[in-house]
Amino acid sequence: MMGWFLDIVIGYAIRYLIRFARMLQSEKWPVEKGTVSSAHCPAAVYGGPVAEVEYTYISNGEYYSGIHTKAFLLRDSAQNYFNGIIVGGQMPVRVNPARPEQSVLVE
């Protein structure tokens, strides 16, 4: 039981650090309007519960898409986050001006 919990904590920490690094890296990138195309809250994921948001955006007249993955320690927290996502809704997206296919969803 303790090993399973440790896997979740380690998985959460790694995912959080990666997301934090991406947010820092994208801090000065311009913001575009993104549209949520789908959201998922997979039932079982190695390393703990996650919610995934797929989105599209336009940069320099071109369409792009991205996937935002957010880690949680508890399945209920992931489900609550997922329930708050509106497919078709808009969210801000930071876009790398040098590589517009690289983006980060801003929460």
N, C-alpha and C. Protein backbone atom coordinates (compact mmCIF):
# COMPACT_ATOMS: atom_id res chain seq x y z
N MET A 1 0.83 -1.20 0.00
CA MET A 1 0.00 0.00 0.00
C MET A 1 0.87 1.26 0.00
N MET A 2 1.91 1.27 0.82
CA MET A 2 2.78 2.43 0.90
C MET A 2 3.52 2.66 -0.42
N GLY A 3 3.91 1.60 -1.11
CA GLY A 3 4.58 1.73 -2.40
C GLY A 3 3.69 2.39 -3.43
N TRP A 4 2.41 2.03 -3.44
CA TRP A 4 1.44 2.64 -4.36
C TRP A 4 1.31 4.13 -4.09
N PHE A 5 1.21 4.51 -2.81
CA PHE A 5 1.10 5.92 -2.46
C PHE A 5 2.36 6.68 -2.84
N LEU A 6 3.52 6.06 -2.62
CA LEU A 6 4.79 6.69 -2.98
C LEU A 6 4.88 6.91 -4.49
N ASP A 7 4.38 5.96 -5.29
CA ASP A 7 4.35 6.13 -6.75
C ASP A 7 3.53 7.36 -7.14
N ILE A 8 2.40 7.54 -6.49
CA ILE A 8 1.53 8.68 -6.79
C ILE A 8 2.22 10.00 -6.42
N VAL A 9 2.85 10.05 -5.26
CA VAL A 9 3.53 11.27 -4.82
C VAL A 9 4.70 11.60 -5.75
N ILE A 10 5.49 10.60 -6.12
CA ILE A 10 6.62 10.83 -7.03
C ILE A 10 6.12 11.25 -8.40
N GLY A 11 5.10 10.58 -8.91
CA GLY A 11 4.52 10.94 -10.21
C GLY A 11 3.99 12.36 -10.20
N TYR A 12 3.31 12.73 -9.13
CA TYR A 12 2.78 14.10 -9.01
C TYR A 12 3.92 15.11 -9.00
N ALA A 13 4.95 14.84 -8.21
CA ALA A 13 6.08 15.78 -8.09
C ALA A 13 6.77 15.98 -9.43
N ILE A 14 7.00 14.91 -10.16
CA ILE A 14 7.66 15.01 -11.47
C ILE A 14 6.80 15.81 -12.44
N ARG A 15 5.52 15.48 -12.52
CA ARG A 15 4.61 16.20 -13.43
C ARG A 15 4.50 17.68 -13.05
N TYR A 16 4.46 17.95 -11.76
CA TYR A 16 4.37 19.33 -11.30
C TYR A 16 5.61 20.12 -11.69
N LEU A 17 6.78 19.54 -11.47
CA LEU A 17 8.03 20.23 -11.81
C LEU A 17 8.15 20.49 -13.31
N ILE A 18 7.74 19.54 -14.12
CA ILE A 18 7.78 19.74 -15.57
C ILE A 18 6.84 20.87 -15.96
N ARG A 19 5.64 20.87 -15.42
CA ARG A 19 4.67 21.92 -15.73
C ARG A 19 5.16 23.29 -15.25
N PHE A 20 5.75 23.32 -14.08
CA PHE A 20 6.28 24.57 -13.53
C PHE A 20 7.41 25.11 -14.42
N ALA A 21 8.31 24.23 -14.87
CA ALA A 21 9.41 24.64 -15.76
C ALA A 21 8.87 25.19 -17.08
N ARG A 22 7.83 24.55 -17.62
CA ARG A 22 7.23 25.04 -18.87
C ARG A 22 6.59 26.41 -18.68
N MET A 23 5.95 26.62 -17.54
CA MET A 23 5.33 27.92 -17.28
C MET A 23 6.40 29.01 -17.17
N LEU A 24 7.50 28.71 -16.49
CA LEU A 24 8.59 29.68 -16.39
C LEU A 24 9.18 29.99 -17.76
N GLN A 25 9.40 28.94 -18.55
CA GLN A 25 9.98 29.10 -19.88
C GLN A 25 9.09 29.97 -20.77
N SER A 26 7.79 29.85 -20.62
CA SER A 26 6.85 30.53 -21.51
C SER A 26 6.40 31.89 -20.97
N GLU A 27 6.96 32.33 -19.90
CA GLU A 27 6.52 33.54 -19.22
C GLU A 27 6.42 34.77 -20.12
N LYS A 28 7.33 34.91 -21.07
CA LYS A 28 7.34 36.10 -21.94
C LYS A 28 6.76 35.84 -23.33
N TRP A 29 6.23 34.65 -23.55
CA TRP A 29 5.62 34.36 -24.84
C TRP A 29 4.30 35.11 -24.97
N PRO A 30 3.93 35.50 -26.18
CA PRO A 30 2.63 36.15 -26.37
C PRO A 30 1.46 35.20 -26.08
N VAL A 31 0.36 35.78 -25.69
CA VAL A 31 -0.82 34.99 -25.35
C VAL A 31 -1.82 35.04 -26.51
N GLU A 32 -2.32 33.87 -26.88
CA GLU A 32 -3.36 33.73 -27.91
C GLU A 32 -4.60 33.13 -27.25
N LYS A 33 -5.72 33.22 -27.94
CA LYS A 33 -6.95 32.58 -27.46
C LYS A 33 -6.92 31.12 -27.91
N GLY A 34 -7.07 30.24 -26.95
CA GLY A 34 -7.17 28.81 -27.26
C GLY A 34 -8.60 28.34 -27.06
N THR A 35 -8.98 27.32 -27.80
CA THR A 35 -10.31 26.74 -27.68
C THR A 35 -10.18 25.29 -27.23
N VAL A 36 -10.88 24.93 -26.17
CA VAL A 36 -10.84 23.57 -25.66
C VAL A 36 -11.56 22.66 -26.63
N SER A 37 -10.85 21.65 -27.15
CA SER A 37 -11.47 20.73 -28.10
C SER A 37 -11.94 19.44 -27.41
N SER A 38 -11.30 19.05 -26.32
CA SER A 38 -11.76 17.90 -25.55
C SER A 38 -11.05 17.88 -24.20
N ALA A 39 -11.61 17.13 -23.28
CA ALA A 39 -11.02 16.96 -21.96
C ALA A 39 -11.19 15.51 -21.54
N HIS A 40 -10.19 15.00 -20.84
CA HIS A 40 -10.21 13.60 -20.40
C HIS A 40 -9.73 13.54 -18.96
N CYS A 41 -10.24 12.57 -18.25
CA CYS A 41 -9.77 12.27 -16.91
C CYS A 41 -9.62 10.75 -16.86
N PRO A 42 -8.47 10.24 -17.37
CA PRO A 42 -8.29 8.79 -17.46
C PRO A 42 -8.50 8.10 -16.12
N ALA A 43 -9.11 6.93 -16.17
CA ALA A 43 -9.44 6.18 -14.95
C ALA A 43 -8.18 5.73 -14.21
N ALA A 44 -7.18 5.26 -14.92
CA ALA A 44 -5.97 4.76 -14.27
C ALA A 44 -4.75 5.21 -15.07
N VAL A 45 -3.88 5.92 -14.39
CA VAL A 45 -2.65 6.38 -15.02
C VAL A 45 -1.50 6.09 -14.07
N TYR A 46 -0.44 5.53 -14.60
CA TYR A 46 0.74 5.25 -13.77
C TYR A 46 1.28 6.57 -13.23
N GLY A 47 1.53 6.64 -11.95
CA GLY A 47 2.06 7.86 -11.35
C GLY A 47 0.99 8.76 -10.76
N GLY A 48 -0.26 8.33 -10.79
CA GLY A 48 -1.31 9.10 -10.14
C GLY A 48 -2.30 9.71 -11.10
N PRO A 49 -3.38 10.26 -10.56
CA PRO A 49 -4.45 10.82 -11.38
C PRO A 49 -4.03 12.08 -12.13
N VAL A 50 -4.57 12.21 -13.34
CA VAL A 50 -4.32 13.39 -14.17
C VAL A 50 -5.61 13.80 -14.85
N ALA A 51 -5.63 15.04 -15.29
CA ALA A 51 -6.68 15.53 -16.18
C ALA A 51 -5.97 16.07 -17.41
N GLU A 52 -6.51 15.78 -18.59
CA GLU A 52 -5.91 16.22 -19.84
C GLU A 52 -6.89 17.12 -20.59
N VAL A 53 -6.37 18.22 -21.10
CA VAL A 53 -7.17 19.15 -21.87
C VAL A 53 -6.51 19.31 -23.24
N GLU A 54 -7.25 18.99 -24.29
CA GLU A 54 -6.76 19.20 -25.64
C GLU A 54 -7.33 20.52 -26.13
N TYR A 55 -6.49 21.31 -26.80
CA TYR A 55 -6.91 22.64 -27.23
C TYR A 55 -6.33 22.97 -28.59
N THR A 56 -6.95 23.93 -29.25
CA THR A 56 -6.46 24.43 -30.52
C THR A 56 -6.28 25.95 -30.40
N TYR A 57 -5.44 26.50 -31.26
CA TYR A 57 -5.22 27.94 -31.28
C TYR A 57 -4.70 28.33 -32.65
N ILE A 58 -4.77 29.61 -32.93
CA ILE A 58 -4.28 30.14 -34.20
C ILE A 58 -3.12 31.08 -33.90
N SER A 59 -2.02 30.88 -34.61
CA SER A 59 -0.87 31.76 -34.48
C SER A 59 -0.37 32.08 -35.89
N ASN A 60 -0.25 33.36 -36.19
CA ASN A 60 0.18 33.81 -37.52
C ASN A 60 -0.68 33.20 -38.64
N GLY A 61 -1.97 33.07 -38.38
CA GLY A 61 -2.89 32.56 -39.39
C GLY A 61 -2.89 31.06 -39.56
N GLU A 62 -2.11 30.34 -38.78
CA GLU A 62 -2.02 28.87 -38.86
C GLU A 62 -2.69 28.24 -37.64
N TYR A 63 -3.35 27.08 -37.87
CA TYR A 63 -3.98 26.34 -36.78
C TYR A 63 -2.96 25.40 -36.13
N TYR A 64 -3.01 25.34 -34.80
CA TYR A 64 -2.15 24.44 -34.03
C TYR A 64 -2.99 23.80 -32.93
N SER A 65 -2.44 22.75 -32.34
CA SER A 65 -3.13 22.12 -31.21
C SER A 65 -2.11 21.73 -30.16
N GLY A 66 -2.60 21.53 -28.96
CA GLY A 66 -1.74 21.13 -27.86
C GLY A 66 -2.52 20.32 -26.84
N ILE A 67 -1.78 19.71 -25.93
CA ILE A 67 -2.39 18.94 -24.85
C ILE A 67 -1.80 19.44 -23.54
N HIS A 68 -2.68 19.76 -22.62
CA HIS A 68 -2.29 20.21 -21.28
C HIS A 68 -2.60 19.07 -20.32
N THR A 69 -1.60 18.63 -19.57
CA THR A 69 -1.80 17.56 -18.59
C THR A 69 -1.52 18.12 -17.21
N LYS A 70 -2.49 17.96 -16.33
CA LYS A 70 -2.33 18.45 -14.96
C LYS A 70 -2.43 17.26 -14.01
N ALA A 71 -1.44 17.15 -13.12
CA ALA A 71 -1.38 16.04 -12.17
C ALA A 71 -2.10 16.40 -10.87
N PHE A 72 -2.62 15.37 -10.23
CA PHE A 72 -3.29 15.52 -8.94
C PHE A 72 -2.87 14.40 -8.01
N LEU A 73 -3.02 14.63 -6.73
CA LEU A 73 -2.74 13.57 -5.76
C LEU A 73 -3.97 12.68 -5.54
N LEU A 74 -5.15 13.26 -5.70
CA LEU A 74 -6.38 12.51 -5.47
C LEU A 74 -7.23 12.45 -6.74
N ARG A 75 -7.85 11.34 -6.97
CA ARG A 75 -8.71 11.14 -8.14
C ARG A 75 -9.88 12.12 -8.14
N ASP A 76 -10.46 12.40 -6.96
CA ASP A 76 -11.58 13.33 -6.88
C ASP A 76 -11.17 14.74 -7.32
N SER A 77 -9.96 15.15 -6.98
CA SER A 77 -9.47 16.47 -7.38
C SER A 77 -9.34 16.56 -8.90
N ALA A 78 -8.81 15.50 -9.51
CA ALA A 78 -8.69 15.46 -10.97
C ALA A 78 -10.08 15.52 -11.61
N GLN A 79 -11.02 14.78 -11.05
CA GLN A 79 -12.38 14.75 -11.58
C GLN A 79 -13.05 16.13 -11.44
N ASN A 80 -12.84 16.81 -10.32
CA ASN A 80 -13.41 18.15 -10.13
C ASN A 80 -12.83 19.14 -11.12
N TYR A 81 -11.53 19.08 -11.37
CA TYR A 81 -10.90 19.95 -12.36
C TYR A 81 -11.49 19.67 -13.74
N PHE A 82 -11.58 18.39 -14.09
CA PHE A 82 -12.15 17.96 -15.37
C PHE A 82 -13.58 18.47 -15.53
N ASN A 83 -14.37 18.38 -14.48
CA ASN A 83 -15.77 18.82 -14.54
C ASN A 83 -15.89 20.32 -14.78
N GLY A 84 -14.86 21.09 -14.44
CA GLY A 84 -14.89 22.53 -14.64
C GLY A 84 -14.45 22.97 -16.03
N ILE A 85 -13.98 22.05 -16.85
CA ILE A 85 -13.53 22.37 -18.21
C ILE A 85 -14.73 22.34 -19.15
N ILE A 86 -14.87 23.37 -19.95
CA ILE A 86 -15.98 23.45 -20.89
C ILE A 86 -15.45 23.26 -22.31
N VAL A 87 -15.84 22.14 -22.92
CA VAL A 87 -15.44 21.90 -24.31
C VAL A 87 -16.06 22.98 -25.18
N GLY A 88 -15.23 23.60 -26.01
CA GLY A 88 -15.67 24.73 -26.83
C GLY A 88 -15.38 26.07 -26.16
N GLY A 89 -15.05 26.03 -24.88
CA GLY A 89 -14.72 27.25 -24.15
C GLY A 89 -13.33 27.75 -24.52
N GLN A 90 -13.07 28.99 -24.18
CA GLN A 90 -11.77 29.57 -24.51
C GLN A 90 -10.90 29.68 -23.27
N MET A 91 -9.60 29.48 -23.48
CA MET A 91 -8.60 29.60 -22.43
C MET A 91 -7.37 30.25 -23.03
N PRO A 92 -6.63 31.04 -22.25
CA PRO A 92 -5.41 31.65 -22.78
C PRO A 92 -4.30 30.62 -23.00
N VAL A 93 -3.56 30.80 -24.08
CA VAL A 93 -2.47 29.90 -24.43
C VAL A 93 -1.24 30.75 -24.72
N ARG A 94 -0.13 30.44 -24.08
CA ARG A 94 1.13 31.11 -24.40
C ARG A 94 1.77 30.35 -25.56
N VAL A 95 2.21 31.11 -26.59
CA VAL A 95 2.74 30.50 -27.81
C VAL A 95 4.18 30.97 -28.02
N ASN A 96 5.06 30.01 -28.28
CA ASN A 96 6.46 30.31 -28.56
C ASN A 96 6.53 31.04 -29.90
N PRO A 97 6.99 32.30 -29.93
CA PRO A 97 7.01 33.04 -31.20
C PRO A 97 7.99 32.45 -32.22
N ALA A 98 9.03 31.78 -31.76
CA ALA A 98 10.01 31.16 -32.67
C ALA A 98 9.53 29.81 -33.19
N ARG A 99 8.70 29.13 -32.41
CA ARG A 99 8.15 27.81 -32.77
C ARG A 99 6.69 27.77 -32.36
N PRO A 100 5.79 28.29 -33.19
CA PRO A 100 4.39 28.41 -32.79
C PRO A 100 3.68 27.08 -32.51
N GLU A 101 4.29 25.97 -32.89
CA GLU A 101 3.68 24.67 -32.56
C GLU A 101 3.92 24.32 -31.08
N GLN A 102 4.75 25.09 -30.40
CA GLN A 102 5.03 24.90 -28.98
C GLN A 102 4.19 25.88 -28.18
N SER A 103 3.38 25.37 -27.25
CA SER A 103 2.48 26.23 -26.50
C SER A 103 2.28 25.68 -25.09
N VAL A 104 1.76 26.55 -24.24
CA VAL A 104 1.44 26.19 -22.87
C VAL A 104 0.09 26.80 -22.52
N LEU A 105 -0.82 25.98 -22.03
CA LEU A 105 -2.12 26.46 -21.60
C LEU A 105 -1.95 27.20 -20.28
N VAL A 106 -2.53 28.38 -20.19
CA VAL A 106 -2.44 29.19 -18.97
C VAL A 106 -3.71 28.99 -18.18
N GLU A 107 -3.57 28.65 -16.91
CA GLU A 107 -4.76 28.44 -16.10
C GLU A 107 -5.11 29.70 -15.35
